Each structure stands twice: as structure tokens, then as C-alpha cells.
PDB file of N, CA and C in Angstrom:
ATOM      1  N   MET A   1      17.820  -5.463  -6.554  1.00  0.00           N
ATOM      2  CA  MET A   1      16.428  -5.833  -7.081  1.00  0.00           C
ATOM      3  C   MET A   1      15.788  -4.799  -6.229  1.00  0.00           C
ATOM      4  N   GLY A   2      14.543  -4.324  -6.961  1.00  0.00           N
ATOM      5  CA  GLY A   2      13.495  -3.807  -6.091  1.00  0.00           C
ATOM      6  C   GLY A   2      12.720  -4.740  -5.482  1.00  0.00           C
ATOM      7  N   LYS A   3      11.839  -4.115  -4.370  1.00  0.00           N
ATOM      8  CA  LYS A   3      10.890  -5.238  -3.753  1.00  0.00           C
ATOM      9  C   LYS A   3       9.551  -4.721  -3.943  1.00  0.00           C
ATOM     10  N   ASN A   4       8.479  -5.243  -3.703  1.00  0.00           N
ATOM     11  CA  ASN A   4       7.198  -5.002  -3.897  1.00  0.00           C
ATOM     12  C   ASN A   4       6.466  -4.809  -2.691  1.00  0.00           C
ATOM     13  N   ILE A   5       6.189  -3.770  -1.932  1.00  0.00           N
ATOM     14  CA  ILE A   5       5.911  -3.442  -0.562  1.00  0.00           C
ATOM     15  C   ILE A   5       4.470  -3.007  -0.637  1.00  0.00           C
ATOM     16  N   LEU A   6       4.020  -3.725   0.142  1.00  0.00           N
ATOM     17  CA  LEU A   6       2.498  -3.448   0.687  1.00  0.00           C
ATOM     18  C   LEU A   6       2.518  -2.654   2.049  1.00  0.00           C
ATOM     19  N   ILE A   7       1.764  -1.328   1.637  1.00  0.00           N
ATOM     20  CA  ILE A   7       1.282  -0.543   2.873  1.00  0.00           C
ATOM     21  C   ILE A   7       0.052  -0.726   3.421  1.00  0.00           C
ATOM     22  N   VAL A   8      -0.115  -0.875   4.441  1.00  0.00           N
ATOM     23  CA  VAL A   8      -1.489  -1.249   5.077  1.00  0.00           C
ATOM     24  C   VAL A   8      -1.908  -0.104   6.079  1.00  0.00           C
ATOM     25  N   THR A   9      -2.923   0.773   5.822  1.00  0.00           N
ATOM     26  CA  THR A   9      -3.348   1.679   6.804  1.00  0.00           C
ATOM     27  C   THR A   9      -4.828   2.146   6.683  1.00  0.00           C
ATOM     28  N   GLY A  10      -5.635   2.584   7.814  1.00  0.00           N
ATOM     29  CA  GLY A  10      -6.677   3.074   8.096  1.00  0.00           C
ATOM     30  C   GLY A  10      -6.908   4.825   7.475  1.00  0.00           C
ATOM     31  N   SER A  11      -5.507   5.461   7.522  1.00  0.00           N
ATOM     32  CA  SER A  11      -5.862   6.782   7.349  1.00  0.00           C
ATOM     33  C   SER A  11      -4.530   7.395   6.757  1.00  0.00           C
ATOM     34  N   ASP A  12      -4.874   8.609   6.067  1.00  0.00           N
ATOM     35  CA  ASP A  12      -3.919   9.072   5.375  1.00  0.00           C
ATOM     36  C   ASP A  12      -2.456   9.549   5.784  1.00  0.00           C
ATOM     37  N   TYR A  13      -1.799  10.409   5.373  1.00  0.00           N
ATOM     38  CA  TYR A  13      -0.044  10.091   5.872  1.00  0.00           C
ATOM     39  C   TYR A  13      -0.049  11.696   5.672  1.00  0.00           C
ATOM     40  N   SER A  14       1.187  11.940   6.602  1.00  0.00           N
ATOM     41  CA  SER A  14       1.525  13.484   6.591  1.00  0.00           C
ATOM     42  C   SER A  14       2.735  13.549   5.499  1.00  0.00           C
ATOM     43  N   LYS A  15       3.112  14.892   5.267  1.00  0.00           N
ATOM     44  CA  LYS A  15       3.798  15.346   4.306  1.00  0.00           C
ATOM     45  C   LYS A  15       5.290  14.602   4.108  1.00  0.00           C
ATOM     46  N   SER A  16       5.771  14.378   5.597  1.00  0.00           N
ATOM     47  CA  SER A  16       6.891  13.753   5.961  1.00  0.00           C
ATOM     48  C   SER A  16       6.989  12.388   5.754  1.00  0.00           C
ATOM     49  N   VAL A  17       5.880  11.558   5.861  1.00  0.00           N
ATOM     50  CA  VAL A  17       5.745  10.144   5.746  1.00  0.00           C
ATOM     51  C   VAL A  17       5.520   9.882   4.049  1.00  0.00           C
ATOM     52  N   TYR A  18       5.160  10.855   3.391  1.00  0.00           N
ATOM     53  CA  TYR A  18       4.943  10.918   1.958  1.00  0.00           C
ATOM     54  C   TYR A  18       6.579  10.906   1.287  1.00  0.00           C
ATOM     55  N   GLN A  19       7.250  11.753   1.713  1.00  0.00           N
ATOM     56  CA  GLN A  19       8.572  11.880   1.659  1.00  0.00           C
ATOM     57  C   GLN A  19       9.186  11.009   1.783  1.00  0.00           C
ATOM     58  N   ALA A  20       9.054   9.965   2.785  1.00  0.00           N
ATOM     59  CA  ALA A  20       9.580   8.701   2.992  1.00  0.00           C
ATOM     60  C   ALA A  20       9.210   7.589   1.822  1.00  0.00           C
ATOM     61  N   PHE A  21       8.105   7.746   1.379  1.00  0.00           N
ATOM     62  CA  PHE A  21       7.504   6.960   0.764  1.00  0.00           C
ATOM     63  C   PHE A  21       8.245   7.459  -0.982  1.00  0.00           C
ATOM     64  N   PHE A  22       8.445   8.506  -1.077  1.00  0.00           N
ATOM     65  CA  PHE A  22       9.227   8.581  -2.443  1.00  0.00           C
ATOM     66  C   PHE A  22      10.616   8.376  -2.458  1.00  0.00           C
ATOM     67  N   ASP A  23      11.161   8.516  -1.164  1.00  0.00           N
ATOM     68  CA  ASP A  23      12.753   7.927  -0.886  1.00  0.00           C
ATOM     69  C   ASP A  23      12.740   6.561  -1.231  1.00  0.00           C
ATOM     70  N   VAL A  24      11.792   5.844  -0.665  1.00  0.00           N
ATOM     71  CA  VAL A  24      12.051   4.419  -0.842  1.00  0.00           C
ATOM     72  C   VAL A  24      11.665   3.850  -2.804  1.00  0.00           C
ATOM     73  N   LYS A  25      10.787   4.784  -3.189  1.00  0.00           N
ATOM     74  CA  LYS A  25      10.647   4.712  -4.501  1.00  0.00           C
ATOM     75  C   LYS A  25      11.967   4.817  -5.084  1.00  0.00           C
ATOM     76  N   LYS A  26      12.740   5.674  -5.059  1.00  0.00           N
ATOM     77  CA  LYS A  26      13.762   6.377  -5.516  1.00  0.00           C
ATOM     78  C   LYS A  26      15.079   5.086  -5.228  1.00  0.00           C
ATOM     79  N   LEU A  27      14.859   4.152  -4.351  1.00  0.00           N
ATOM     80  CA  LEU A  27      15.561   3.101  -4.141  1.00  0.00           C
ATOM     81  C   LEU A  27      15.491   1.827  -5.047  1.00  0.00           C
ATOM     82  N   GLY A  28      14.158   2.168  -5.857  1.00  0.00           N
ATOM     83  CA  GLY A  28      13.635   0.955  -6.820  1.00  0.00           C
ATOM     84  C   GLY A  28      12.931   0.066  -6.434  1.00  0.00           C
ATOM     85  N   HIS A  29      12.081   0.522  -5.190  1.00  0.00           N
ATOM     86  CA  HIS A  29      11.043  -0.200  -4.876  1.00  0.00           C
ATOM     87  C   HIS A  29       9.884   0.125  -5.147  1.00  0.00           C
ATOM     88  N   LYS A  30       8.406  -0.921  -5.453  1.00  0.00           N
ATOM     89  CA  LYS A  30       7.216  -0.318  -5.551  1.00  0.00           C
ATOM     90  C   LYS A  30       6.444  -0.635  -4.298  1.00  0.00           C
ATOM     91  N   LEU A  31       5.613   0.386  -4.171  1.00  0.00           N
ATOM     92  CA  LEU A  31       4.697   0.768  -3.281  1.00  0.00           C
ATOM     93  C   LEU A  31       3.193   0.387  -3.509  1.00  0.00           C
ATOM     94  N   TYR A  32       2.993  -0.362  -2.948  1.00  0.00           N
ATOM     95  CA  TYR A  32       1.401  -0.963  -2.917  1.00  0.00           C
ATOM     96  C   TYR A  32       0.541  -0.386  -1.747  1.00  0.00           C
ATOM     97  N   LEU A  33      -0.865   0.025  -1.862  1.00  0.00           N
ATOM     98  CA  LEU A  33      -1.328   0.460  -0.939  1.00  0.00           C
ATOM     99  C   LEU A  33      -2.842  -0.332  -0.422  1.00  0.00           C
ATOM    100  N   LEU A  34      -2.784  -0.702   0.864  1.00  0.00           N
ATOM    101  CA  LEU A  34      -4.305  -1.352   1.175  1.00  0.00           C
ATOM    102  C   LEU A  34      -4.702  -0.651   2.184  1.00  0.00           C
ATOM    103  N   SER A  35      -5.920  -0.145   1.881  1.00  0.00           N
ATOM    104  CA  SER A  35      -6.410   1.289   2.704  1.00  0.00           C
ATOM    105  C   SER A  35      -7.980   0.502   2.911  1.00  0.00           C
ATOM    106  N   ASP A  36      -8.526   1.313   3.921  1.00  0.00           N
ATOM    107  CA  ASP A  36     -10.411   1.202   3.998  1.00  0.00           C
ATOM    108  C   ASP A  36     -11.202   2.065   2.860  1.00  0.00           C
ATOM    109  N   GLY A  37     -10.237   2.841   2.032  1.00  0.00           N
ATOM    110  CA  GLY A  37     -10.909   3.654   1.398  1.00  0.00           C
ATOM    111  C   GLY A  37     -11.131   4.919   1.913  1.00  0.00           C
ATOM    112  N   SER A  38     -11.135   5.291   3.090  1.00  0.00           N
ATOM    113  CA  SER A  38     -11.656   6.547   3.378  1.00  0.00           C
ATOM    114  C   SER A  38     -10.898   7.720   3.021  1.00  0.00           C
ATOM    115  N   PHE A  39      -9.686   7.622   2.452  1.00  0.00           N
ATOM    116  CA  PHE A  39      -8.898   8.759   1.749  1.00  0.00           C
ATOM    117  C   PHE A  39      -8.284   8.543   0.301  1.00  0.00           C
ATOM    118  N   GLU A  40      -7.982   9.547  -0.259  1.00  0.00           N
ATOM    119  CA  GLU A  40      -7.521   9.573  -1.683  1.00  0.00           C
ATOM    120  C   GLU A  40      -6.181   9.676  -1.571  1.00  0.00           C
ATOM    121  N   PRO A  41      -4.872   8.496  -1.708  1.00  0.00           N
ATOM    122  CA  PRO A  41      -3.698   8.788  -1.488  1.00  0.00           C
ATOM    123  C   PRO A  41      -2.872   9.665  -2.343  1.00  0.00           C
ATOM    124  N   GLN A  42      -1.835  10.430  -2.008  1.00  0.00           N
ATOM    125  CA  GLN A  42      -1.059  11.427  -3.017  1.00  0.00           C
ATOM    126  C   GLN A  42      -0.817  10.737  -4.163  1.00  0.00           C
ATOM    127  N   LYS A  43      -1.076  11.388  -5.444  1.00  0.00           N
ATOM    128  CA  LYS A  43      -0.927  10.705  -6.659  1.00  0.00           C
ATOM    129  C   LYS A  43       0.956  10.481  -6.791  1.00  0.00           C
ATOM    130  N   GLY A  44       1.248   9.372  -7.629  1.00  0.00           N
ATOM    131  CA  GLY A  44       2.439   9.249  -8.023  1.00  0.00           C
ATOM    132  C   GLY A  44       3.392   8.314  -7.160  1.00  0.00           C
ATOM    133  N   ILE A  45       2.824   7.864  -6.337  1.00  0.00           N
ATOM    134  CA  ILE A  45       3.399   7.132  -5.095  1.00  0.00           C
ATOM    135  C   ILE A  45       3.134   5.542  -5.022  1.00  0.00           C
ATOM    136  N   PHE A  46       1.775   5.078  -5.128  1.00  0.00           N
ATOM    137  CA  PHE A  46       1.533   3.792  -5.348  1.00  0.00           C
ATOM    138  C   PHE A  46       1.269   3.268  -6.503  1.00  0.00           C
ATOM    139  N   GLU A  47       1.716   2.158  -6.553  1.00  0.00           N
ATOM    140  CA  GLU A  47       1.616   1.185  -8.067  1.00  0.00           C
ATOM    141  C   GLU A  47       0.117   1.004  -8.140  1.00  0.00           C
ATOM    142  N   LYS A  48      -0.544   0.680  -7.162  1.00  0.00           N
ATOM    143  CA  LYS A  48      -1.970   0.206  -6.884  1.00  0.00           C
ATOM    144  C   LYS A  48      -2.866   0.697  -5.768  1.00  0.00           C
ATOM    145  N   HIS A  49      -3.975   0.981  -5.471  1.00  0.00           N
ATOM    146  CA  HIS A  49      -4.568   1.213  -4.191  1.00  0.00           C
ATOM    147  C   HIS A  49      -5.573   0.095  -4.067  1.00  0.00           C
ATOM    148  N   PHE A  50      -5.236  -0.593  -3.107  1.00  0.00           N
ATOM    149  CA  PHE A  50      -6.685  -1.690  -2.973  1.00  0.00           C
ATOM    150  C   PHE A  50      -7.384  -1.225  -1.759  1.00  0.00           C
ATOM    151  N   MET A  51      -8.717  -1.441  -1.807  1.00  0.00           N
ATOM    152  CA  MET A  51      -9.516  -1.133  -0.789  1.00  0.00           C
ATOM    153  C   MET A  51     -10.391  -2.017  -0.402  1.00  0.00           C
ATOM    154  N   TYR A  52     -10.650  -2.188   0.941  1.00  0.00           N
ATOM    155  CA  TYR A  52     -11.189  -3.344   1.715  1.00  0.00           C
ATOM    156  C   TYR A  52     -11.314  -2.685   3.015  1.00  0.00           C
ATOM    157  N   ASP A  53     -12.786  -3.367   3.857  1.00  0.00           N
ATOM    158  CA  ASP A  53     -12.923  -2.855   5.160  1.00  0.00           C
ATOM    159  C   ASP A  53     -11.752  -3.784   5.823  1.00  0.00           C
ATOM    160  N   LEU A  54     -10.842  -3.037   6.358  1.00  0.00           N
ATOM    161  CA  LEU A  54      -9.680  -3.555   7.578  1.00  0.00           C
ATOM    162  C   LEU A  54     -10.028  -4.446   8.544  1.00  0.00           C
ATOM    163  N   ARG A  55     -11.300  -3.915   9.110  1.00  0.00           N
ATOM    164  CA  ARG A  55     -11.743  -4.861  10.183  1.00  0.00           C
ATOM    165  C   ARG A  55     -12.060  -5.977  10.085  1.00  0.00           C
ATOM    166  N   LYS A  56     -12.425  -6.531   8.650  1.00  0.00           N
ATOM    167  CA  LYS A  56     -12.399  -7.735   8.425  1.00  0.00           C
ATOM    168  C   LYS A  56     -11.155  -8.633   7.997  1.00  0.00           C
ATOM    169  N   THR A  57     -10.273  -9.144   8.854  1.00  0.00           N
ATOM    170  CA  THR A  57      -9.135  -9.416   9.054  1.00  0.00           C
ATOM    171  C   THR A  57      -9.201 -10.659   8.078  1.00  0.00           C
ATOM    172  N   LYS A  58      -9.846 -11.575   8.349  1.00  0.00           N
ATOM    173  CA  LYS A  58      -9.855 -12.975   7.509  1.00  0.00           C
ATOM    174  C   LYS A  58     -10.192 -12.937   5.786  1.00  0.00           C
ATOM    175  N   GLU A  59     -11.370 -11.893   5.628  1.00  0.00           N
ATOM    176  CA  GLU A  59     -11.678 -11.441   4.558  1.00  0.00           C
ATOM    177  C   GLU A  59     -10.712 -10.770   3.873  1.00  0.00           C
ATOM    178  N   VAL A  60     -10.223  -9.656   4.416  1.00  0.00           N
ATOM    179  CA  VAL A  60      -9.066  -8.976   3.705  1.00  0.00           C
ATOM    180  C   VAL A  60      -8.108  -9.724   3.244  1.00  0.00           C
ATOM    181  N   LEU A  61      -7.292 -10.528   4.012  1.00  0.00           N
ATOM    182  CA  LEU A  61      -6.052 -11.675   3.667  1.00  0.00           C
ATOM    183  C   LEU A  61      -6.569 -12.354   2.551  1.00  0.00           C
ATOM    184  N   GLU A  62      -7.851 -13.077   2.445  1.00  0.00           N
ATOM    185  CA  GLU A  62      -8.349 -13.570   1.420  1.00  0.00           C
ATOM    186  C   GLU A  62      -8.265 -12.746   0.116  1.00  0.00           C
ATOM    187  N   TYR A  63      -8.864 -11.549   0.014  1.00  0.00           N
ATOM    188  CA  TYR A  63      -9.051 -10.417  -0.926  1.00  0.00           C
ATOM    189  C   TYR A  63      -7.452 -10.272  -1.482  1.00  0.00           C
ATOM    190  N   ILE A  64      -6.511  -9.902  -0.577  1.00  0.00           N
ATOM    191  CA  ILE A  64      -5.294  -9.890  -1.045  1.00  0.00           C
ATOM    192  C   ILE A  64      -4.591 -10.979  -1.556  1.00  0.00           C
ATOM    193  N   LYS A  65      -4.804 -12.129  -1.208  1.00  0.00           N
ATOM    194  CA  LYS A  65      -4.175 -13.330  -1.564  1.00  0.00           C
ATOM    195  C   LYS A  65      -4.538 -13.388  -3.120  1.00  0.00           C
ATOM    196  N   ASN A  66      -5.989 -13.293  -3.326  1.00  0.00           N
ATOM    197  CA  ASN A  66      -6.637 -13.663  -4.468  1.00  0.00           C
ATOM    198  C   ASN A  66      -6.179 -12.167  -5.720  1.00  0.00           C
ATOM    199  N   GLN A  67      -5.300 -11.297  -5.199  1.00  0.00           N
ATOM    200  CA  GLN A  67      -4.934 -10.246  -6.118  1.00  0.00           C
ATOM    201  C   GLN A  67      -3.556 -10.993  -7.182  1.00  0.00           C
ATOM    202  N   ASN A  68      -3.464 -10.260  -8.409  1.00  0.00           N
ATOM    203  CA  ASN A  68      -2.291 -10.878  -9.138  1.00  0.00           C
ATOM    204  C   ASN A  68      -0.962 -10.174  -8.582  1.00  0.00           C
ATOM    205  N   PHE A  69      -0.298 -10.214  -7.399  1.00  0.00           N
ATOM    206  CA  PHE A  69       0.569  -9.612  -7.159  1.00  0.00           C
ATOM    207  C   PHE A  69       1.323 -10.524  -5.975  1.00  0.00           C
ATOM    208  N   LYS A  70       2.862 -10.358  -6.004  1.00  0.00           N
ATOM    209  CA  LYS A  70       3.751 -10.895  -5.007  1.00  0.00           C
ATOM    210  C   LYS A  70       4.038  -9.763  -4.378  1.00  0.00           C
ATOM    211  N   PHE A  71       3.859  -9.909  -2.790  1.00  0.00           N
ATOM    212  CA  PHE A  71       4.639  -8.893  -2.167  1.00  0.00           C
ATOM    213  C   PHE A  71       5.883  -9.337  -1.199  1.00  0.00           C
ATOM    214  N   ASP A  72       6.587  -8.516  -1.400  1.00  0.00           N
ATOM    215  CA  ASP A  72       8.017  -8.966  -0.732  1.00  0.00           C
ATOM    216  C   ASP A  72       8.109  -8.481   0.886  1.00  0.00           C
ATOM    217  N   ALA A  73       7.178  -7.450   1.261  1.00  0.00           N
ATOM    218  CA  ALA A  73       7.324  -6.895   2.690  1.00  0.00           C
ATOM    219  C   ALA A  73       5.947  -6.401   2.844  1.00  0.00           C
ATOM    220  N   VAL A  74       5.404  -6.311   3.972  1.00  0.00           N
ATOM    221  CA  VAL A  74       4.112  -5.602   4.463  1.00  0.00           C
ATOM    222  C   VAL A  74       4.418  -4.718   5.279  1.00  0.00           C
TER     223      VAL A  74
END
């Protein structure tokens, strides 16, 4: 059964990393992105893109907790 995986980053990814994400999706997993909003991720990879100031750790954790998603891995 596929997992819901949250990816957290403050910068965009290389082509090889995006390819790895596609490979993970082919295994049946769903990917979600939490970023600082400084870039637009490649289309078709992430189910949802959450944006928040990643420097505010306590606030960002509360923000993600209040989303209507359950993540199996971060």
C-alpha cells in the first residue's frame, strides 16, 4: 500500500532528483511538498504544495499539523 510522504525543502531540485521522485510515485506512493515558496516545483509530482516560512519551526509544525493530511514519512 502506498505511503504519503512529505518532502521538506527550501530550494528546487535537479533533474535527477525529480526523476527519483517519479520513480517513487511509480511504486504507488504519494508525494507532498513543504517549501518556503521560493520556487515552483515541477508539475505532476506533488499531490499538494504547502508553503510556509521554514525558519519558524514551531509555527510550521503547527501549520502542517492543522492540515487535513496524514503523513507516513517526512
